[in-house]
Amino acid sequence: MPGAKGAIRRAPTERRGSRAGIGYDAHRLAPGRPLVLGGVQIAFDSGLVAHSDGDVVAHAVMDALLGAAGLPDIGTYFPNTDPQYLGISSLVLLQRVRAIVEEKGWRIVNVDVSLLAEKPRLSPFVTEMRQNVGRALGLLPESVGIKVTTNEGMGFVGRGEGMAAWAVALLETG
């Protein structure tokens, strides 16, 4: 009986199967900054405040991938105190996360993102976001889900103070 006194416990000897991970990111909006989501620059009067380009879609996907692989979060790999990441494209960082995950023996199956923003209207940009994220991850666009929604006027997103994204990623052993 597992866990019984005197039972032999064995450490896993190999990793098989699949793993899912979840990621979340949020940034506040400020005037005079570019708005980049899923690698798409969107004309708007405000952009997301961050050390990098602030792309909450890419950041949430990175944390979902790293979590599924059992690795630390993006702040560990790309700290916001490191000048080399100032203003960097989050798609570049997403490609680096892909390499990290693949070096650990994982293959990315798919990712799915829910992007929360009151304004601007983002649905016209979803196809390009899916293509950009897919390209960075070596996935076909149909393996990248991106949905956009509002927060119905509630919370910091609803008040137009910021944007947020949730992501889920599925990995399989390579």
Protein backbone atom coordinates (compact mmCIF):
# COMPACT_ATOMS: atom_id res chain seq x y z
CA MET A 1 0.00 0.00 0.00
CA PRO A 2 1.55 3.37 -1.05
CA GLY A 3 2.58 5.52 1.86
CA ALA A 4 2.27 2.68 4.38
CA LYS A 5 4.96 2.40 6.99
CA GLY A 6 7.88 0.47 5.61
CA ALA A 7 6.73 0.80 2.00
CA ILE A 8 9.42 1.44 -0.55
CA ARG A 9 9.11 4.79 -2.27
CA ARG A 10 10.73 5.17 -5.64
CA ALA A 11 11.57 8.43 -7.32
CA PRO A 12 10.27 8.80 -10.85
CA THR A 13 12.89 7.63 -13.33
CA GLU A 14 11.51 9.28 -16.44
CA ARG A 15 9.11 12.01 -17.43
CA ARG A 16 6.26 11.01 -19.73
CA GLY A 17 3.02 12.45 -20.93
CA SER A 18 1.81 15.99 -20.87
CA ARG A 19 1.60 18.95 -18.51
CA ALA A 20 -0.53 22.08 -18.43
CA GLY A 21 0.49 25.43 -17.03
CA ILE A 22 -1.32 28.69 -16.35
CA GLY A 23 0.02 32.21 -16.64
CA TYR A 24 -1.27 35.65 -15.75
CA ASP A 25 -0.01 39.14 -16.41
CA ALA A 26 -1.37 42.66 -15.93
CA HIS A 27 0.03 46.12 -16.56
CA ARG A 28 -1.36 49.59 -16.09
CA LEU A 29 -1.99 51.91 -19.01
CA ALA A 30 -0.28 55.29 -19.41
CA PRO A 31 -0.45 57.94 -22.13
CA GLY A 32 2.41 58.27 -24.57
CA ARG A 33 3.44 54.62 -24.59
CA PRO A 34 3.00 52.19 -27.48
CA LEU A 35 0.34 49.52 -27.04
CA VAL A 36 1.69 46.10 -28.05
CA LEU A 37 -0.45 42.96 -27.65
CA GLY A 38 0.47 39.59 -29.10
CA GLY A 39 3.29 41.33 -30.94
CA VAL A 40 0.88 43.70 -32.70
CA GLN A 41 1.35 47.45 -32.27
CA ILE A 42 -2.12 48.94 -31.91
CA ALA A 43 -2.95 52.62 -32.38
CA PHE A 44 -4.31 53.88 -29.05
CA ASP A 45 -3.81 56.91 -26.81
CA SER A 46 -2.13 54.79 -24.08
CA GLY A 47 0.19 51.84 -23.79
CA LEU A 48 1.15 49.35 -21.12
CA VAL A 49 3.77 50.38 -18.56
CA ALA A 50 6.55 47.82 -18.20
CA HIS A 51 10.30 47.34 -18.43
CA SER A 52 9.84 45.46 -21.73
CA ASP A 53 7.16 46.38 -24.28
CA GLY A 54 4.53 45.30 -21.70
CA ASP A 55 2.83 42.74 -23.97
CA VAL A 56 0.51 41.03 -21.45
CA VAL A 57 -0.43 38.35 -24.00
CA ALA A 58 3.17 37.21 -24.49
CA HIS A 59 3.97 37.54 -20.77
CA ALA A 60 1.03 35.35 -19.72
CA VAL A 61 1.96 32.74 -22.33
CA MET A 62 5.59 32.71 -21.13
CA ASP A 63 4.56 32.07 -17.54
CA ALA A 64 2.11 29.36 -18.62
CA LEU A 65 4.87 27.59 -20.58
CA LEU A 66 7.41 27.90 -17.79
CA GLY A 67 4.88 26.70 -15.22
CA ALA A 68 3.96 23.66 -17.29
CA ALA A 69 7.66 22.78 -17.54
CA GLY A 70 8.07 23.15 -13.76
CA LEU A 71 10.39 26.15 -14.16
CA PRO A 72 10.52 29.55 -12.42
CA ASP A 73 8.55 32.55 -13.74
CA ILE A 74 9.65 35.05 -16.39
CA GLY A 75 10.97 37.49 -13.78
CA THR A 76 13.65 34.94 -12.93
CA TYR A 77 14.84 34.68 -16.53
CA PHE A 78 14.26 38.30 -17.60
CA PRO A 79 14.38 40.54 -14.49
CA ASN A 80 12.95 44.04 -14.82
CA THR A 81 16.13 45.37 -13.21
CA ASP A 82 18.31 44.23 -16.13
CA PRO A 83 18.91 47.01 -18.67
CA GLN A 84 19.27 44.54 -21.56
CA TYR A 85 15.49 43.92 -21.38
CA LEU A 86 14.47 47.59 -21.37
CA GLY A 87 11.94 48.04 -24.17
CA ILE A 88 12.63 44.57 -25.62
CA SER A 89 9.97 42.92 -27.75
CA SER A 90 8.15 40.32 -25.70
CA LEU A 91 8.04 38.10 -28.79
CA VAL A 92 11.85 37.88 -28.57
CA LEU A 93 11.50 36.80 -24.94
CA LEU A 94 8.77 34.33 -25.93
CA GLN A 95 11.17 32.74 -28.43
CA ARG A 96 13.75 32.44 -25.65
CA VAL A 97 11.19 30.77 -23.38
CA ARG A 98 10.38 28.34 -26.19
CA ALA A 99 14.08 27.42 -26.37
CA ILE A 100 14.31 27.00 -22.57
CA VAL A 101 11.25 24.72 -22.52
CA GLU A 102 12.49 22.68 -25.48
CA GLU A 103 15.96 22.32 -23.90
CA LYS A 104 14.21 20.70 -20.93
CA GLY A 105 12.73 18.07 -23.28
CA TRP A 106 9.24 19.52 -23.77
CA ARG A 107 7.28 20.13 -26.97
CA ILE A 108 4.67 22.89 -27.01
CA VAL A 109 1.28 21.53 -28.10
CA ASN A 110 -0.89 24.62 -27.82
CA VAL A 111 -1.56 27.82 -25.90
CA ASP A 112 -4.81 29.61 -25.17
CA VAL A 113 -5.16 33.22 -23.99
CA SER A 114 -7.97 35.38 -22.62
CA LEU A 115 -7.12 39.07 -22.98
CA LEU A 116 -9.08 41.52 -20.82
CA ALA A 117 -9.35 45.16 -21.94
CA GLU A 118 -12.15 47.72 -22.01
CA LYS A 119 -10.70 49.74 -24.90
CA PRO A 120 -9.69 49.77 -27.68
CA ARG A 121 -11.70 47.20 -29.60
CA LEU A 122 -9.19 44.37 -30.06
CA SER A 123 -11.03 41.72 -32.09
CA PRO A 124 -9.67 43.07 -35.44
CA PHE A 125 -6.14 42.21 -34.25
CA VAL A 126 -6.72 38.65 -33.01
CA THR A 127 -5.70 36.89 -36.24
CA GLU A 128 -2.37 38.75 -36.38
CA MET A 129 -1.76 38.11 -32.65
CA ARG A 130 -2.35 34.38 -33.19
CA GLN A 131 0.09 34.36 -36.12
CA ASN A 132 2.77 36.25 -34.17
CA VAL A 133 2.54 34.07 -31.07
CA GLY A 134 2.41 30.94 -33.20
CA ARG A 135 5.49 31.98 -35.17
CA ALA A 136 7.43 32.68 -31.95
CA LEU A 137 6.48 29.25 -30.58
CA GLY A 138 6.81 27.24 -33.79
CA LEU A 139 3.06 26.55 -33.80
CA LEU A 140 0.41 26.86 -36.46
CA PRO A 141 -2.05 29.69 -35.73
CA GLU A 142 -4.79 27.12 -35.06
CA SER A 143 -2.76 25.92 -32.08
CA VAL A 144 -2.92 29.41 -30.57
CA GLY A 145 -6.22 30.55 -29.10
CA ILE A 146 -6.71 34.23 -28.30
CA LYS A 147 -9.98 35.60 -27.07
CA VAL A 148 -10.61 39.24 -26.18
CA THR A 149 -13.20 40.40 -23.69
CA THR A 150 -14.02 43.32 -21.45
CA ASN A 151 -14.35 43.26 -17.69
CA GLU A 152 -17.85 44.75 -17.88
CA GLY A 153 -16.72 47.98 -16.23
CA MET A 154 -15.45 46.23 -13.09
CA GLY A 155 -12.04 46.56 -11.44
CA PHE A 156 -8.88 48.16 -12.83
CA VAL A 157 -9.51 46.70 -16.30
CA GLY A 158 -13.11 47.90 -16.30
CA ARG A 159 -12.08 51.40 -15.29
CA GLY A 160 -9.58 51.48 -18.19
CA GLU A 161 -6.57 51.65 -15.87
CA GLY A 162 -4.85 48.60 -17.32
CA MET A 163 -5.09 45.34 -19.21
CA ALA A 164 -4.62 41.73 -18.16
CA ALA A 165 -4.26 38.31 -19.75
CA TRP A 166 -4.66 34.72 -18.60
CA ALA A 167 -3.00 31.92 -20.55
CA VAL A 168 -2.93 28.15 -20.48
CA ALA A 169 -0.25 26.06 -22.19
CA LEU A 170 -0.02 22.35 -22.89
CA LEU A 171 3.34 20.61 -23.19
CA GLU A 172 4.23 17.04 -24.11
CA THR A 173 7.48 15.21 -23.66
CA GLY A 174 9.64 15.72 -26.73
